[in-house]
C-alpha atoms as a PDB file:
ATOM      1  CA  UNK A   1     -80.153 -20.706  13.512  1.00  0.00           C
ATOM      2  CA  UNK A   2     -79.395 -22.023  10.085  1.00  0.00           C
ATOM      3  CA  UNK A   3     -76.955 -24.800   9.353  1.00  0.00           C
ATOM      4  CA  UNK A   4     -73.890 -23.703   7.389  1.00  0.00           C
ATOM      5  CA  UNK A   5     -73.631 -25.172   3.903  1.00  0.00           C
ATOM      6  CA  UNK A   6     -71.374 -28.215   3.497  1.00  0.00           C
ATOM      7  CA  UNK A   7     -67.880 -27.485   2.202  1.00  0.00           C
ATOM      8  CA  UNK A   8     -67.540 -27.559  -1.560  1.00  0.00           C
ATOM      9  CA  UNK A   9     -66.147 -30.782  -2.953  1.00  0.00           C
ATOM     10  CA  UNK A  10     -62.586 -30.544  -4.212  1.00  0.00           C
ATOM     11  CA  UNK A  11     -62.163 -31.592  -7.825  1.00  0.00           C
ATOM     12  CA  UNK A  12     -59.863 -34.561  -8.403  1.00  0.00           C
ATOM     13  CA  UNK A  13     -58.564 -32.675 -11.444  1.00  0.00           C
ATOM     14  CA  UNK A  14     -56.075 -30.364  -9.756  1.00  0.00           C
ATOM     15  CA  UNK A  15     -52.385 -29.530  -9.673  1.00  0.00           C
ATOM     16  CA  UNK A  16     -51.549 -31.796  -6.719  1.00  0.00           C
ATOM     17  CA  UNK A  17     -53.097 -34.859  -8.350  1.00  0.00           C
ATOM     18  CA  UNK A  18     -51.495 -33.904 -11.670  1.00  0.00           C
ATOM     19  CA  UNK A  19     -48.066 -34.070 -10.012  1.00  0.00           C
ATOM     20  CA  UNK A  20     -48.936 -37.452  -8.501  1.00  0.00           C
ATOM     21  CA  UNK A  21     -49.849 -38.748 -11.960  1.00  0.00           C
ATOM     22  CA  UNK A  22     -46.620 -37.271 -13.358  1.00  0.00           C
ATOM     23  CA  UNK A  23     -44.667 -39.176 -10.700  1.00  0.00           C
ATOM     24  CA  UNK A  24     -46.413 -42.399 -11.703  1.00  0.00           C
ATOM     25  CA  UNK A  25     -45.675 -41.710 -15.376  1.00  0.00           C
ATOM     26  CA  UNK A  26     -41.990 -41.104 -14.607  1.00  0.00           C
ATOM     27  CA  UNK A  27     -41.554 -44.533 -12.973  1.00  0.00           C
ATOM     28  CA  UNK A  28     -41.230 -46.499 -16.255  1.00  0.00           C
ATOM     29  CA  UNK A  29     -39.104 -43.698 -17.733  1.00  0.00           C
ATOM     30  CA  UNK A  30     -36.738 -43.927 -14.769  1.00  0.00           C
ATOM     31  CA  UNK A  31     -36.592 -47.744 -14.951  1.00  0.00           C
ATOM     32  CA  UNK A  32     -35.885 -47.631 -18.685  1.00  0.00           C
ATOM     33  CA  UNK A  33     -33.049 -45.132 -18.171  1.00  0.00           C
ATOM     34  CA  UNK A  34     -31.542 -47.085 -15.278  1.00  0.00           C
ATOM     35  CA  UNK A  35     -31.653 -50.336 -17.267  1.00  0.00           C
ATOM     36  CA  UNK A  36     -30.243 -48.533 -20.302  1.00  0.00           C
ATOM     37  CA  UNK A  37     -27.330 -47.406 -18.134  1.00  0.00           C
ATOM     38  CA  UNK A  38     -26.715 -50.999 -16.992  1.00  0.00           C
ATOM     39  CA  UNK A  39     -25.413 -49.127 -13.948  1.00  0.00           C
ATOM     40  CA  UNK A  40     -22.121 -48.731 -15.824  1.00  0.00           C
ATOM     41  CA  UNK A  41     -22.721 -45.770 -18.164  1.00  0.00           C
ATOM     42  CA  UNK A  42     -22.007 -42.584 -16.214  1.00  0.00           C
ATOM     43  CA  UNK A  43     -24.131 -40.447 -18.537  1.00  0.00           C
ATOM     44  CA  UNK A  44     -27.243 -42.638 -18.359  1.00  0.00           C
ATOM     45  CA  UNK A  45     -26.846 -43.094 -14.593  1.00  0.00           C
ATOM     46  CA  UNK A  46     -26.841 -39.314 -14.185  1.00  0.00           C
ATOM     47  CA  UNK A  47     -29.917 -38.976 -16.398  1.00  0.00           C
ATOM     48  CA  UNK A  48     -31.697 -41.759 -14.470  1.00  0.00           C
ATOM     49  CA  UNK A  49     -30.770 -40.072 -11.180  1.00  0.00           C
ATOM     50  CA  UNK A  50     -32.103 -36.749 -12.479  1.00  0.00           C
ATOM     51  CA  UNK A  51     -35.434 -38.302 -13.511  1.00  0.00           C
ATOM     52  CA  UNK A  52     -35.666 -40.057 -10.144  1.00  0.00           C
ATOM     53  CA  UNK A  53     -34.877 -36.758  -8.402  1.00  0.00           C
ATOM     54  CA  UNK A  54     -37.534 -34.835 -10.351  1.00  0.00           C
ATOM     55  CA  UNK A  55     -40.102 -37.560  -9.673  1.00  0.00           C
ATOM     56  CA  UNK A  56     -39.203 -37.530  -5.973  1.00  0.00           C
ATOM     57  CA  UNK A  57     -39.499 -33.753  -5.854  1.00  0.00           C
ATOM     58  CA  UNK A  58     -43.087 -34.008  -7.099  1.00  0.00           C
ATOM     59  CA  UNK A  59     -43.886 -35.955  -3.917  1.00  0.00           C
ATOM     60  CA  UNK A  60     -42.931 -33.007  -1.749  1.00  0.00           C
ATOM     61  CA  UNK A  61     -44.616 -30.460  -4.008  1.00  0.00           C
ATOM     62  CA  UNK A  62     -47.917 -32.321  -4.464  1.00  0.00           C
ATOM     63  CA  UNK A  63     -48.330 -32.749  -0.709  1.00  0.00           C
ATOM     64  CA  UNK A  64     -47.641 -29.074  -0.102  1.00  0.00           C
ATOM     65  CA  UNK A  65     -50.061 -28.042  -2.871  1.00  0.00           C
ATOM     66  CA  UNK A  66     -52.799 -30.351  -1.625  1.00  0.00           C
ATOM     67  CA  UNK A  67     -52.595 -28.972   1.910  1.00  0.00           C
ATOM     68  CA  UNK A  68     -51.960 -25.289   1.219  1.00  0.00           C
ATOM     69  CA  UNK A  69     -54.372 -24.950  -1.724  1.00  0.00           C
ATOM     70  CA  UNK A  70     -57.030 -27.167  -0.143  1.00  0.00           C
ATOM     71  CA  UNK A  71     -56.696 -29.773  -2.924  1.00  0.00           C
ATOM     72  CA  UNK A  72     -56.826 -32.882  -0.745  1.00  0.00           C
ATOM     73  CA  UNK A  73     -58.964 -35.498  -2.515  1.00  0.00           C
ATOM     74  CA  UNK A  74     -59.856 -39.144  -1.990  1.00  0.00           C
ATOM     75  CA  UNK A  75     -57.994 -39.887  -5.228  1.00  0.00           C
ATOM     76  CA  UNK A  76     -54.879 -38.157  -3.902  1.00  0.00           C
ATOM     77  CA  UNK A  77     -55.061 -40.005  -0.573  1.00  0.00           C
ATOM     78  CA  UNK A  78     -54.913 -43.290  -2.477  1.00  0.00           C
ATOM     79  CA  UNK A  79     -52.778 -42.417  -5.526  1.00  0.00           C
ATOM     80  CA  UNK A  80     -50.029 -40.468  -3.723  1.00  0.00           C
ATOM     81  CA  UNK A  81     -48.759 -43.343  -1.552  1.00  0.00           C
ATOM     82  CA  UNK A  82     -49.051 -45.750  -4.493  1.00  0.00           C
ATOM     83  CA  UNK A  83     -46.942 -43.420  -6.650  1.00  0.00           C
ATOM     84  CA  UNK A  84     -44.372 -43.090  -3.861  1.00  0.00           C
ATOM     85  CA  UNK A  85     -44.078 -46.833  -3.391  1.00  0.00           C
ATOM     86  CA  UNK A  86     -43.930 -47.470  -7.146  1.00  0.00           C
ATOM     87  CA  UNK A  87     -41.045 -45.034  -7.591  1.00  0.00           C
ATOM     88  CA  UNK A  88     -39.033 -46.109  -4.567  1.00  0.00           C
ATOM     89  CA  UNK A  89     -39.786 -49.780  -5.113  1.00  0.00           C
ATOM     90  CA  UNK A  90     -38.766 -49.675  -8.771  1.00  0.00           C
ATOM     91  CA  UNK A  91     -35.516 -47.931  -7.878  1.00  0.00           C
ATOM     92  CA  UNK A  92     -34.668 -50.449  -5.164  1.00  0.00           C
ATOM     93  CA  UNK A  93     -35.438 -53.405  -7.421  1.00  0.00           C
ATOM     94  CA  UNK A  94     -33.216 -51.962 -10.176  1.00  0.00           C
ATOM     95  CA  UNK A  95     -30.389 -51.326  -7.706  1.00  0.00           C
ATOM     96  CA  UNK A  96     -30.690 -54.863  -6.323  1.00  0.00           C
ATOM     97  CA  UNK A  97     -30.885 -56.396  -9.802  1.00  0.00           C
ATOM     98  CA  UNK A  98     -27.550 -54.750 -10.631  1.00  0.00           C
ATOM     99  CA  UNK A  99     -25.974 -55.832  -7.343  1.00  0.00           C
ATOM    100  CA  UNK A 100     -25.793 -52.431  -5.673  1.00  0.00           C
ATOM    101  CA  UNK A 101     -28.300 -53.068  -2.854  1.00  0.00           C
ATOM    102  CA  UNK A 102     -28.776 -56.424  -1.131  1.00  0.00           C
ATOM    103  CA  UNK A 103     -32.087 -58.063  -1.991  1.00  0.00           C
ATOM    104  CA  UNK A 104     -32.973 -58.503   1.689  1.00  0.00           C
ATOM    105  CA  UNK A 105     -32.744 -54.714   2.164  1.00  0.00           C
ATOM    106  CA  UNK A 106     -35.029 -54.132  -0.816  1.00  0.00           C
ATOM    107  CA  UNK A 107     -37.404 -56.838   0.432  1.00  0.00           C
ATOM    108  CA  UNK A 108     -37.596 -55.416   3.958  1.00  0.00           C
ATOM    109  CA  UNK A 109     -38.206 -51.873   2.722  1.00  0.00           C
ATOM    110  CA  UNK A 110     -40.852 -53.036   0.242  1.00  0.00           C
ATOM    111  CA  UNK A 111     -42.527 -55.175   2.920  1.00  0.00           C
ATOM    112  CA  UNK A 112     -42.745 -52.130   5.192  1.00  0.00           C
ATOM    113  CA  UNK A 113     -44.020 -49.873   2.413  1.00  0.00           C
ATOM    114  CA  UNK A 114     -46.692 -52.318   1.235  1.00  0.00           C
ATOM    115  CA  UNK A 115     -47.656 -53.058   4.836  1.00  0.00           C
ATOM    116  CA  UNK A 116     -48.065 -49.386   5.704  1.00  0.00           C
ATOM    117  CA  UNK A 117     -50.090 -48.826   2.530  1.00  0.00           C
ATOM    118  CA  UNK A 118     -52.428 -51.697   3.448  1.00  0.00           C
ATOM    119  CA  UNK A 119     -52.756 -50.356   6.999  1.00  0.00           C
ATOM    120  CA  UNK A 120     -53.517 -46.914   5.537  1.00  0.00           C
ATOM    121  CA  UNK A 121     -56.414 -48.425   3.551  1.00  0.00           C
ATOM    122  CA  UNK A 122     -57.546 -50.284   6.687  1.00  0.00           C
ATOM    123  CA  UNK A 123     -57.984 -47.020   8.629  1.00  0.00           C
ATOM    124  CA  UNK A 124     -58.729 -44.505   5.850  1.00  0.00           C
ATOM    125  CA  UNK A 125     -62.443 -44.281   6.604  1.00  0.00           C
ATOM    126  CA  UNK A 126     -61.624 -43.418  10.230  1.00  0.00           C
ATOM    127  CA  UNK A 127     -59.166 -40.656   9.362  1.00  0.00           C
ATOM    128  CA  UNK A 128     -55.821 -39.949   7.779  1.00  0.00           C
ATOM    129  CA  UNK A 129     -52.650 -40.532   9.724  1.00  0.00           C
ATOM    130  CA  UNK A 130     -50.463 -37.545   9.001  1.00  0.00           C
ATOM    131  CA  UNK A 131     -46.867 -38.152   8.021  1.00  0.00           C
ATOM    132  CA  UNK A 132     -44.626 -37.963  11.060  1.00  0.00           C
ATOM    133  CA  UNK A 133     -41.238 -36.320  11.170  1.00  0.00           C
ATOM    134  CA  UNK A 134     -39.788 -39.820  11.175  1.00  0.00           C
ATOM    135  CA  UNK A 135     -41.769 -40.680   8.046  1.00  0.00           C
ATOM    136  CA  UNK A 136     -40.457 -37.578   6.326  1.00  0.00           C
ATOM    137  CA  UNK A 137     -36.911 -38.424   7.422  1.00  0.00           C
ATOM    138  CA  UNK A 138     -37.434 -41.971   6.087  1.00  0.00           C
ATOM    139  CA  UNK A 139     -38.474 -40.625   2.716  1.00  0.00           C
ATOM    140  CA  UNK A 140     -35.562 -38.177   2.577  1.00  0.00           C
ATOM    141  CA  UNK A 141     -33.049 -40.887   3.547  1.00  0.00           C
ATOM    142  CA  UNK A 142     -34.431 -43.377   1.022  1.00  0.00           C
ATOM    143  CA  UNK A 143     -34.312 -40.791  -1.766  1.00  0.00           C
ATOM    144  CA  UNK A 144     -30.796 -39.708  -0.785  1.00  0.00           C
ATOM    145  CA  UNK A 145     -29.553 -43.303  -0.636  1.00  0.00           C
ATOM    146  CA  UNK A 146     -31.088 -44.187  -4.009  1.00  0.00           C
ATOM    147  CA  UNK A 147     -29.659 -41.080  -5.704  1.00  0.00           C
ATOM    148  CA  UNK A 148     -26.275 -41.782  -4.088  1.00  0.00           C
ATOM    149  CA  UNK A 149     -26.280 -45.287  -5.574  1.00  0.00           C
ATOM    150  CA  UNK A 150     -27.465 -44.036  -8.975  1.00  0.00           C
ATOM    151  CA  UNK A 151     -24.868 -41.322  -9.394  1.00  0.00           C
ATOM    152  CA  UNK A 152     -21.417 -42.426 -10.562  1.00  0.00           C
ATOM    153  CA  UNK A 153     -19.667 -40.830  -7.598  1.00  0.00           C
ATOM    154  CA  UNK A 154     -15.895 -41.073  -7.227  1.00  0.00           C
ATOM    155  CA  UNK A 155     -14.151 -42.686  -4.282  1.00  0.00           C
ATOM    156  CA  UNK A 156     -14.385 -42.057  -1.366  1.00  0.00           C
ATOM    157  CA  UNK A 157     -17.895 -40.617  -1.823  1.00  0.00           C
ATOM    158  CA  UNK A 158     -19.288 -43.812  -3.341  1.00  0.00           C
ATOM    159  CA  UNK A 159     -18.618 -45.797  -0.152  1.00  0.00           C
ATOM    160  CA  UNK A 160     -21.146 -43.654   1.736  1.00  0.00           C
ATOM    161  CA  UNK A 161     -24.093 -45.174  -0.162  1.00  0.00           C
ATOM    162  CA  UNK A 162     -24.415 -48.315   2.018  1.00  0.00           C
ATOM    163  CA  UNK A 163     -24.253 -46.214   5.169  1.00  0.00           C
ATOM    164  CA  UNK A 164     -26.991 -43.889   3.954  1.00  0.00           C
ATOM    165  CA  UNK A 165     -29.073 -46.920   2.964  1.00  0.00           C
ATOM    166  CA  UNK A 166     -28.482 -48.474   6.404  1.00  0.00           C
ATOM    167  CA  UNK A 167     -29.784 -45.297   8.039  1.00  0.00           C
ATOM    168  CA  UNK A 168     -32.760 -45.318   5.651  1.00  0.00           C
ATOM    169  CA  UNK A 169     -33.471 -48.961   6.485  1.00  0.00           C
ATOM    170  CA  UNK A 170     -33.347 -48.351  10.243  1.00  0.00           C
ATOM    171  CA  UNK A 171     -35.678 -45.342  10.044  1.00  0.00           C
ATOM    172  CA  UNK A 172     -37.940 -47.247   7.636  1.00  0.00           C
ATOM    173  CA  UNK A 173     -38.429 -50.104  10.112  1.00  0.00           C
ATOM    174  CA  UNK A 174     -38.896 -47.843  13.157  1.00  0.00           C
ATOM    175  CA  UNK A 175     -41.416 -45.595  11.409  1.00  0.00           C
ATOM    176  CA  UNK A 176     -43.274 -48.628  10.078  1.00  0.00           C
ATOM    177  CA  UNK A 177     -43.794 -49.914  13.615  1.00  0.00           C
ATOM    178  CA  UNK A 178     -44.802 -46.415  14.750  1.00  0.00           C
ATOM    179  CA  UNK A 179     -47.314 -46.115  11.895  1.00  0.00           C
ATOM    180  CA  UNK A 180     -48.942 -49.446  12.740  1.00  0.00           C
ATOM    181  CA  UNK A 181     -49.221 -48.432  16.409  1.00  0.00           C
ATOM    182  CA  UNK A 182     -50.844 -45.103  15.457  1.00  0.00           C
ATOM    183  CA  UNK A 183     -53.222 -46.879  13.053  1.00  0.00           C
ATOM    184  CA  UNK A 184     -54.333 -49.343  15.736  1.00  0.00           C
ATOM    185  CA  UNK A 185     -54.915 -46.441  18.141  1.00  0.00           C
ATOM    186  CA  UNK A 186     -56.962 -44.612  15.489  1.00  0.00           C
ATOM    187  CA  UNK A 187     -59.109 -47.698  14.847  1.00  0.00           C
ATOM    188  CA  UNK A 188     -59.636 -48.217  18.584  1.00  0.00           C
ATOM    189  CA  UNK A 189     -60.646 -44.586  19.147  1.00  0.00           C
ATOM    190  CA  UNK A 190     -62.991 -44.716  16.149  1.00  0.00           C
ATOM    191  CA  UNK A 191     -64.487 -47.967  17.456  1.00  0.00           C
ATOM    192  CA  UNK A 192     -64.948 -46.505  20.929  1.00  0.00           C
ATOM    193  CA  UNK A 193     -66.586 -43.380  19.475  1.00  0.00           C
ATOM    194  CA  UNK A 194     -68.843 -45.414  17.141  1.00  0.00           C
END
């Protein structure tokens, strides 16, 4: 019997990674627009929200492309979460700087996001921990909360923003703990197998 050939390497130059790089490039554009709005100009807030929304959409599309078109790369495994954290983190910092989100909320979310990213690097050679439904819900809630704060919504819609952010914060903390537990289990199983 002959050994099958190894799978062909996937080029890092592909559509999924291109969208990840686009998301990274949109972070300073979004920040500039949000600062330009001073969170008082309805027009610039809408434009900033639109750029944030487009950048967030690339997160969903690049993941789908990478999996369905077999474009998963080492670069994408590292760059995708960094791009996600850069976008969300920048938005939260801007919202806190303008007094829309408490700094402790931003700090807790950023602590979780950086912590999970570091844990991801800690276990990456043992395998990839797939995003859970909770992780996807966390992302959707964070994006929804940020867009809700960015848009100049009329009353009573504007008062929903803190409630959406509270839900995002709760899911963020719970999924962070879950991710760490799954990472420890992955490391233990890899250590037992090795």
